[in-house]
PDB file of N, CA and C in Angstrom:
ATOM      1  N   MET A   1       0.838  -1.184   0.000  1.00  0.00           N
ATOM      2  CA  MET A   1       0.000   0.000   0.000  1.00  0.00           C
ATOM      3  C   MET A   1       0.881   1.244   0.000  1.00  0.00           C
ATOM      4  N   ALA A   2       0.386   2.296  -0.635  1.00  0.00           N
ATOM      5  CA  ALA A   2       1.146   3.527  -0.748  1.00  0.00           C
ATOM      6  C   ALA A   2       0.531   4.616   0.136  1.00  0.00           C
ATOM      7  N   LEU A   3       1.365   5.547   0.518  1.00  0.00           N
ATOM      8  CA  LEU A   3       0.973   6.701   1.315  1.00  0.00           C
ATOM      9  C   LEU A   3       0.724   7.865   0.366  1.00  0.00           C
ATOM     10  N   HIS A   4      -0.437   8.522   0.484  1.00  0.00           N
ATOM     11  CA  HIS A   4      -0.670   9.722  -0.318  1.00  0.00           C
ATOM     12  C   HIS A   4       0.015  10.888   0.387  1.00  0.00           C
ATOM     13  N   PHE A   5       0.903  11.594  -0.339  1.00  0.00           N
ATOM     14  CA  PHE A   5       1.717  12.680   0.206  1.00  0.00           C
ATOM     15  C   PHE A   5       1.451  13.950  -0.577  1.00  0.00           C
ATOM     16  N   GLU A   6       1.148  15.029   0.149  1.00  0.00           N
ATOM     17  CA  GLU A   6       1.002  16.340  -0.465  1.00  0.00           C
ATOM     18  C   GLU A   6       1.890  17.334   0.261  1.00  0.00           C
ATOM     19  N   LEU A   7       2.592  18.148  -0.519  1.00  0.00           N
ATOM     20  CA  LEU A   7       3.425  19.231  -0.007  1.00  0.00           C
ATOM     21  C   LEU A   7       2.866  20.522  -0.577  1.00  0.00           C
ATOM     22  N   VAL A   8       2.473  21.436   0.321  1.00  0.00           N
ATOM     23  CA  VAL A   8       1.799  22.667  -0.073  1.00  0.00           C
ATOM     24  C   VAL A   8       2.504  23.857   0.565  1.00  0.00           C
ATOM     25  N   THR A   9       2.629  24.953  -0.191  1.00  0.00           N
ATOM     26  CA  THR A   9       3.089  26.231   0.349  1.00  0.00           C
ATOM     27  C   THR A   9       1.945  27.232   0.192  1.00  0.00           C
ATOM     28  N   PRO A  10       2.055  28.416   0.779  1.00  0.00           N
ATOM     29  CA  PRO A  10       0.990  29.406   0.570  1.00  0.00           C
ATOM     30  C   PRO A  10       0.796  29.753  -0.911  1.00  0.00           C
ATOM     31  N   ALA A  11       1.831  29.574  -1.716  1.00  0.00           N
ATOM     32  CA  ALA A  11       1.757  29.953  -3.135  1.00  0.00           C
ATOM     33  C   ALA A  11       1.207  28.863  -4.043  1.00  0.00           C
ATOM     34  N   LYS A  12       1.465  27.564  -3.697  1.00  0.00           N
ATOM     35  CA  LYS A  12       1.049  26.518  -4.637  1.00  0.00           C
ATOM     36  C   LYS A  12       1.127  25.116  -4.038  1.00  0.00           C
ATOM     37  N   LEU A  13       0.533  24.187  -4.760  1.00  0.00           N
ATOM     38  CA  LEU A  13       0.684  22.768  -4.463  1.00  0.00           C
ATOM     39  C   LEU A  13       1.997  22.331  -5.105  1.00  0.00           C
ATOM     40  N   VAL A  14       2.956  21.914  -4.291  1.00  0.00           N
ATOM     41  CA  VAL A  14       4.284  21.543  -4.783  1.00  0.00           C
ATOM     42  C   VAL A  14       4.316  20.085  -5.219  1.00  0.00           C
ATOM     43  N   ARG A  15       3.715  19.192  -4.432  1.00  0.00           N
ATOM     44  CA  ARG A  15       3.701  17.765  -4.725  1.00  0.00           C
ATOM     45  C   ARG A  15       2.372  17.162  -4.334  1.00  0.00           C
ATOM     46  N   SER A  16       1.945  16.167  -5.083  1.00  0.00           N
ATOM     47  CA  SER A  16       0.796  15.337  -4.742  1.00  0.00           C
ATOM     48  C   SER A  16       1.058  14.001  -5.404  1.00  0.00           C
ATOM     49  N   GLU A  17       1.462  12.998  -4.598  1.00  0.00           N
ATOM     50  CA  GLU A  17       1.872  11.718  -5.169  1.00  0.00           C
ATOM     51  C   GLU A  17       1.753  10.589  -4.155  1.00  0.00           C
ATOM     52  N   GLU A  18       1.834   9.379  -4.658  1.00  0.00           N
ATOM     53  CA  GLU A  18       1.843   8.179  -3.827  1.00  0.00           C
ATOM     54  C   GLU A  18       3.305   7.795  -3.583  1.00  0.00           C
ATOM     55  N   VAL A  19       3.663   7.606  -2.312  1.00  0.00           N
ATOM     56  CA  VAL A  19       5.034   7.247  -1.943  1.00  0.00           C
ATOM     57  C   VAL A  19       5.007   6.114  -0.915  1.00  0.00           C
ATOM     58  N   HIS A  20       6.184   5.579  -0.617  1.00  0.00           N
ATOM     59  CA  HIS A  20       6.281   4.529   0.394  1.00  0.00           C
ATOM     60  C   HIS A  20       6.308   5.131   1.803  1.00  0.00           C
ATOM     61  N   MET A  21       7.192   6.143   2.009  1.00  0.00           N
ATOM     62  CA  MET A  21       7.367   6.715   3.337  1.00  0.00           C
ATOM     63  C   MET A  21       7.935   8.127   3.220  1.00  0.00           C
ATOM     64  N   VAL A  22       7.605   8.967   4.202  1.00  0.00           N
ATOM     65  CA  VAL A  22       8.183  10.302   4.302  1.00  0.00           C
ATOM     66  C   VAL A  22       8.677  10.482   5.734  1.00  0.00           C
ATOM     67  N   VAL A  23       9.904  10.996   5.883  1.00  0.00           N
ATOM     68  CA  VAL A  23      10.436  11.354   7.194  1.00  0.00           C
ATOM     69  C   VAL A  23      10.348  12.871   7.293  1.00  0.00           C
ATOM     70  N   VAL A  24       9.651  13.337   8.327  1.00  0.00           N
ATOM     71  CA  VAL A  24       9.327  14.750   8.513  1.00  0.00           C
ATOM     72  C   VAL A  24      10.182  15.335   9.632  1.00  0.00           C
ATOM     73  N   PRO A  25      10.756  16.557   9.425  1.00  0.00           N
ATOM     74  CA  PRO A  25      11.503  17.211  10.503  1.00  0.00           C
ATOM     75  C   PRO A  25      10.531  17.886  11.484  1.00  0.00           C
ATOM     76  N   GLY A  26       9.977  17.120  12.386  1.00  0.00           N
ATOM     77  CA  GLY A  26       8.982  17.629  13.330  1.00  0.00           C
ATOM     78  C   GLY A  26       9.577  18.559  14.358  1.00  0.00           C
ATOM     79  N   GLY A  27       8.721  19.377  14.937  1.00  0.00           N
ATOM     80  CA  GLY A  27       9.157  20.308  15.969  1.00  0.00           C
ATOM     81  C   GLY A  27       9.743  19.623  17.189  1.00  0.00           C
ATOM     82  N   GLU A  28       9.311  18.396  17.469  1.00  0.00           N
ATOM     83  CA  GLU A  28       9.808  17.625  18.612  1.00  0.00           C
ATOM     84  C   GLU A  28      10.792  16.535  18.184  1.00  0.00           C
ATOM     85  N   GLY A  29      11.176  16.548  16.925  1.00  0.00           N
ATOM     86  CA  GLY A  29      12.096  15.533  16.405  1.00  0.00           C
ATOM     87  C   GLY A  29      11.541  14.923  15.125  1.00  0.00           C
ATOM     88  N   ASP A  30      12.427  14.276  14.377  1.00  0.00           N
ATOM     89  CA  ASP A  30      12.022  13.653  13.114  1.00  0.00           C
ATOM     90  C   ASP A  30      11.060  12.493  13.370  1.00  0.00           C
ATOM     91  N   PHE A  31      10.095  12.318  12.452  1.00  0.00           N
ATOM     92  CA  PHE A  31       9.208  11.159  12.537  1.00  0.00           C
ATOM     93  C   PHE A  31       8.890  10.663  11.134  1.00  0.00           C
ATOM     94  N   GLY A  32       8.785   9.351  11.024  1.00  0.00           N
ATOM     95  CA  GLY A  32       8.481   8.716   9.749  1.00  0.00           C
ATOM     96  C   GLY A  32       7.005   8.411   9.638  1.00  0.00           C
ATOM     97  N   VAL A  33       6.483   8.550   8.414  1.00  0.00           N
ATOM     98  CA  VAL A  33       5.065   8.292   8.163  1.00  0.00           C
ATOM     99  C   VAL A  33       4.940   7.260   7.051  1.00  0.00           C
ATOM    100  N   LEU A  34       4.249   6.171   7.368  1.00  0.00           N
ATOM    101  CA  LEU A  34       3.902   5.122   6.410  1.00  0.00           C
ATOM    102  C   LEU A  34       2.383   5.080   6.288  1.00  0.00           C
ATOM    103  N   GLN A  35       1.885   4.410   5.257  1.00  0.00           N
ATOM    104  CA  GLN A  35       0.444   4.195   5.120  1.00  0.00           C
ATOM    105  C   GLN A  35      -0.091   3.561   6.405  1.00  0.00           C
ATOM    106  N   GLY A  36      -1.229   4.051   6.901  1.00  0.00           N
ATOM    107  CA  GLY A  36      -1.834   3.494   8.105  1.00  0.00           C
ATOM    108  C   GLY A  36      -1.363   4.142   9.395  1.00  0.00           C
ATOM    109  N   HIS A  37      -0.502   5.165   9.314  1.00  0.00           N
ATOM    110  CA  HIS A  37      -0.016   5.863  10.509  1.00  0.00           C
ATOM    111  C   HIS A  37      -1.203   6.457  11.274  1.00  0.00           C
ATOM    112  N   ALA A  38      -1.093   6.481  12.582  1.00  0.00           N
ATOM    113  CA  ALA A  38      -2.134   7.086  13.415  1.00  0.00           C
ATOM    114  C   ALA A  38      -2.244   8.577  13.106  1.00  0.00           C
ATOM    115  N   PRO A  39      -3.446   9.140  13.187  1.00  0.00           N
ATOM    116  CA  PRO A  39      -3.607  10.573  12.951  1.00  0.00           C
ATOM    117  C   PRO A  39      -2.773  11.395  13.941  1.00  0.00           C
ATOM    118  N   VAL A  40      -2.137  12.427  13.415  1.00  0.00           N
ATOM    119  CA  VAL A  40      -1.320  13.308  14.242  1.00  0.00           C
ATOM    120  C   VAL A  40      -1.152  14.637  13.519  1.00  0.00           C
ATOM    121  N   MET A  41      -0.950  15.693  14.304  1.00  0.00           N
ATOM    122  CA  MET A  41      -0.619  16.996  13.737  1.00  0.00           C
ATOM    123  C   MET A  41       0.606  17.497  14.480  1.00  0.00           C
ATOM    124  N   SER A  42       1.566  18.068  13.741  1.00  0.00           N
ATOM    125  CA  SER A  42       2.816  18.514  14.339  1.00  0.00           C
ATOM    126  C   SER A  42       3.318  19.765  13.635  1.00  0.00           C
ATOM    127  N   THR A  43       3.988  20.611  14.399  1.00  0.00           N
ATOM    128  CA  THR A  43       4.734  21.681  13.751  1.00  0.00           C
ATOM    129  C   THR A  43       5.954  21.050  13.089  1.00  0.00           C
ATOM    130  N   ILE A  44       6.503  21.721  12.097  1.00  0.00           N
ATOM    131  CA  ILE A  44       7.750  21.254  11.508  1.00  0.00           C
ATOM    132  C   ILE A  44       8.791  22.358  11.626  1.00  0.00           C
ATOM    133  N   ARG A  45      10.026  21.933  11.774  1.00  0.00           N
ATOM    134  CA  ARG A  45      11.127  22.885  11.858  1.00  0.00           C
ATOM    135  C   ARG A  45      11.808  22.959  10.496  1.00  0.00           C
ATOM    136  N   ASP A  46      12.656  23.946  10.319  1.00  0.00           N
ATOM    137  CA  ASP A  46      13.448  24.032   9.095  1.00  0.00           C
ATOM    138  C   ASP A  46      14.278  22.769   8.978  1.00  0.00           C
ATOM    139  N   GLY A  47      14.269  22.161   7.802  1.00  0.00           N
ATOM    140  CA  GLY A  47      15.022  20.927   7.618  1.00  0.00           C
ATOM    141  C   GLY A  47      14.617  20.223   6.347  1.00  0.00           C
ATOM    142  N   ALA A  48      14.957  18.946   6.282  1.00  0.00           N
ATOM    143  CA  ALA A  48      14.735  18.166   5.063  1.00  0.00           C
ATOM    144  C   ALA A  48      13.622  17.149   5.250  1.00  0.00           C
ATOM    145  N   LEU A  49      12.662  17.170   4.335  1.00  0.00           N
ATOM    146  CA  LEU A  49      11.718  16.069   4.199  1.00  0.00           C
ATOM    147  C   LEU A  49      12.459  14.995   3.415  1.00  0.00           C
ATOM    148  N   MET A  50      12.416  13.762   3.875  1.00  0.00           N
ATOM    149  CA  MET A  50      13.047  12.657   3.155  1.00  0.00           C
ATOM    150  C   MET A  50      11.922  11.808   2.577  1.00  0.00           C
ATOM    151  N   VAL A  51      11.833  11.779   1.253  1.00  0.00           N
ATOM    152  CA  VAL A  51      10.735  11.104   0.561  1.00  0.00           C
ATOM    153  C   VAL A  51      11.256   9.817  -0.072  1.00  0.00           C
ATOM    154  N   TYR A  52      10.717   8.693   0.381  1.00  0.00           N
ATOM    155  CA  TYR A  52      11.093   7.374  -0.145  1.00  0.00           C
ATOM    156  C   TYR A  52       9.985   6.934  -1.100  1.00  0.00           C
ATOM    157  N   LYS A  53      10.277   6.921  -2.389  1.00  0.00           N
ATOM    158  CA  LYS A  53       9.268   6.564  -3.397  1.00  0.00           C
ATOM    159  C   LYS A  53       8.828   5.104  -3.257  1.00  0.00           C
ATOM    160  N   THR A  54       9.803   4.211  -2.980  1.00  0.00           N
ATOM    161  CA  THR A  54       9.521   2.786  -2.801  1.00  0.00           C
ATOM    162  C   THR A  54      10.317   2.273  -1.618  1.00  0.00           C
ATOM    163  N   GLU A  55       9.949   1.114  -1.120  1.00  0.00           N
ATOM    164  CA  GLU A  55      10.670   0.503  -0.013  1.00  0.00           C
ATOM    165  C   GLU A  55      12.110   0.228  -0.437  1.00  0.00           C
ATOM    166  N   GLY A  56      13.064   0.663   0.376  1.00  0.00           N
ATOM    167  CA  GLY A  56      14.480   0.438   0.084  1.00  0.00           C
ATOM    168  C   GLY A  56      15.091   1.432  -0.879  1.00  0.00           C
ATOM    169  N   ALA A  57      14.305   2.389  -1.374  1.00  0.00           N
ATOM    170  CA  ALA A  57      14.811   3.387  -2.328  1.00  0.00           C
ATOM    171  C   ALA A  57      15.693   4.413  -1.622  1.00  0.00           C
ATOM    172  N   VAL A  58      16.562   5.045  -2.382  1.00  0.00           N
ATOM    173  CA  VAL A  58      17.332   6.180  -1.879  1.00  0.00           C
ATOM    174  C   VAL A  58      16.359   7.348  -1.754  1.00  0.00           C
ATOM    175  N   PRO A  59      16.335   8.031  -0.602  1.00  0.00           N
ATOM    176  CA  PRO A  59      15.341   9.089  -0.421  1.00  0.00           C
ATOM    177  C   PRO A  59      15.669  10.346  -1.225  1.00  0.00           C
ATOM    178  N   GLU A  60      14.613  11.043  -1.618  1.00  0.00           N
ATOM    179  CA  GLU A  60      14.748  12.368  -2.207  1.00  0.00           C
ATOM    180  C   GLU A  60      14.636  13.363  -1.059  1.00  0.00           C
ATOM    181  N   GLU A  61      15.510  14.350  -1.044  1.00  0.00           N
ATOM    182  CA  GLU A  61      15.524  15.346   0.027  1.00  0.00           C
ATOM    183  C   GLU A  61      14.883  16.635  -0.473  1.00  0.00           C
ATOM    184  N   ILE A  62      13.911  17.141   0.294  1.00  0.00           N
ATOM    185  CA  ILE A  62      13.248  18.402  -0.038  1.00  0.00           C
ATOM    186  C   ILE A  62      13.396  19.323   1.173  1.00  0.00           C
ATOM    187  N   GLN A  63      14.070  20.442   1.007  1.00  0.00           N
ATOM    188  CA  GLN A  63      14.280  21.391   2.103  1.00  0.00           C
ATOM    189  C   GLN A  63      13.025  22.231   2.315  1.00  0.00           C
ATOM    190  N   VAL A  64      12.554  22.271   3.564  1.00  0.00           N
ATOM    191  CA  VAL A  64      11.369  23.060   3.902  1.00  0.00           C
ATOM    192  C   VAL A  64      11.707  24.022   5.028  1.00  0.00           C
ATOM    193  N   ARG A  65      10.929  25.080   5.095  1.00  0.00           N
ATOM    194  CA  ARG A  65      11.089  26.076   6.143  1.00  0.00           C
ATOM    195  C   ARG A  65       9.763  26.243   6.870  1.00  0.00           C
ATOM    196  N   GLY A  66       9.732  25.797   8.131  1.00  0.00           N
ATOM    197  CA  GLY A  66       8.573  25.977   8.994  1.00  0.00           C
ATOM    198  C   GLY A  66       7.259  25.435   8.457  1.00  0.00           C
ATOM    199  N   GLY A  67       6.264  25.408   9.321  1.00  0.00           N
ATOM    200  CA  GLY A  67       4.936  24.988   8.918  1.00  0.00           C
ATOM    201  C   GLY A  67       4.361  23.908   9.804  1.00  0.00           C
ATOM    202  N   PHE A  68       3.471  23.102   9.203  1.00  0.00           N
ATOM    203  CA  PHE A  68       2.758  22.049   9.921  1.00  0.00           C
ATOM    204  C   PHE A  68       2.694  20.784   9.080  1.00  0.00           C
ATOM    205  N   ALA A  69       2.573  19.657   9.747  1.00  0.00           N
ATOM    206  CA  ALA A  69       2.344  18.375   9.082  1.00  0.00           C
ATOM    207  C   ALA A  69       1.102  17.756   9.702  1.00  0.00           C
ATOM    208  N   GLU A  70       0.244  17.206   8.846  1.00  0.00           N
ATOM    209  CA  GLU A  70      -0.957  16.531   9.331  1.00  0.00           C
ATOM    210  C   GLU A  70      -1.037  15.148   8.708  1.00  0.00           C
ATOM    211  N   VAL A  71      -1.163  14.148   9.575  1.00  0.00           N
ATOM    212  CA  VAL A  71      -1.389  12.782   9.123  1.00  0.00           C
ATOM    213  C   VAL A  71      -2.844  12.462   9.414  1.00  0.00           C
ATOM    214  N   SER A  72      -3.565  12.018   8.378  1.00  0.00           N
ATOM    215  CA  SER A  72      -4.969  11.635   8.542  1.00  0.00           C
ATOM    216  C   SER A  72      -5.196  10.341   7.783  1.00  0.00           C
ATOM    217  N   ASP A  73      -6.439   9.889   7.768  1.00  0.00           N
ATOM    218  CA  ASP A  73      -6.741   8.672   7.018  1.00  0.00           C
ATOM    219  C   ASP A  73      -6.565   8.881   5.512  1.00  0.00           C
ATOM    220  N   LYS A  74      -6.440  10.140   5.077  1.00  0.00           N
ATOM    221  CA  LYS A  74      -6.222  10.448   3.657  1.00  0.00           C
ATOM    222  C   LYS A  74      -4.739  10.460   3.292  1.00  0.00           C
ATOM    223  N   GLY A  75      -3.855  10.468   4.291  1.00  0.00           N
ATOM    224  CA  GLY A  75      -2.414  10.483   4.027  1.00  0.00           C
ATOM    225  C   GLY A  75      -1.708  11.576   4.811  1.00  0.00           C
ATOM    226  N   LEU A  76      -0.583  12.049   4.258  1.00  0.00           N
ATOM    227  CA  LEU A  76       0.253  13.069   4.895  1.00  0.00           C
ATOM    228  C   LEU A  76       0.186  14.351   4.081  1.00  0.00           C
ATOM    229  N   THR A  77      -0.154  15.450   4.767  1.00  0.00           N
ATOM    230  CA  THR A  77      -0.118  16.763   4.143  1.00  0.00           C
ATOM    231  C   THR A  77       0.872  17.614   4.920  1.00  0.00           C
ATOM    232  N   VAL A  78       1.850  18.186   4.209  1.00  0.00           N
ATOM    233  CA  VAL A  78       2.814  19.099   4.811  1.00  0.00           C
ATOM    234  C   VAL A  78       2.505  20.491   4.282  1.00  0.00           C
ATOM    235  N   LEU A  79       2.212  21.406   5.199  1.00  0.00           N
ATOM    236  CA  LEU A  79       1.939  22.803   4.877  1.00  0.00           C
ATOM    237  C   LEU A  79       3.175  23.599   5.280  1.00  0.00           C
ATOM    238  N   ALA A  80       4.067  23.829   4.322  1.00  0.00           N
ATOM    239  CA  ALA A  80       5.343  24.488   4.602  1.00  0.00           C
ATOM    240  C   ALA A  80       5.265  25.986   4.298  1.00  0.00           C
ATOM    241  N   GLU A  81       5.960  26.787   5.099  1.00  0.00           N
ATOM    242  CA  GLU A  81       6.033  28.219   4.826  1.00  0.00           C
ATOM    243  C   GLU A  81       6.726  28.453   3.487  1.00  0.00           C
ATOM    244  N   SER A  82       7.773  27.665   3.221  1.00  0.00           N
ATOM    245  CA  SER A  82       8.457  27.739   1.923  1.00  0.00           C
ATOM    246  C   SER A  82       9.226  26.460   1.684  1.00  0.00           C
ATOM    247  N   VAL A  83       9.524  26.237   0.403  1.00  0.00           N
ATOM    248  CA  VAL A  83      10.308  25.077  -0.030  1.00  0.00           C
ATOM    249  C   VAL A  83      11.546  25.618  -0.746  1.00  0.00           C
ATOM    250  N   ILE A  84      12.713  25.129  -0.386  1.00  0.00           N
ATOM    251  CA  ILE A  84      13.964  25.591  -0.984  1.00  0.00           C
ATOM    252  C   ILE A  84      14.356  24.625  -2.109  1.00  0.00           C
ATOM    253  N   GLY A  85      14.560  25.172  -3.281  1.00  0.00           N
ATOM    254  CA  GLY A  85      15.016  24.358  -4.412  1.00  0.00           C
ATOM    255  C   GLY A  85      13.972  23.790  -5.273  1.00  0.00           C
TER     256      GLY A  85
END
């Protein structure tokens, strides 16, 4: 099963795709999200989202600046203040 992942800034929808896992730079520390993760909402700190397209894949790094992450039954939505690169 795949995790639906969306990355959004105030200006636009940056990503909307199915992935294996995302590691989020949470305000209280990094946390990984897989399909079926319990619902949670967290602030995010400046840092790198690590996006694993498939199990065992080399992660893609996306630099984000501040914002929030929400995990729901629909997947993971990251609302970032800005995305670098």
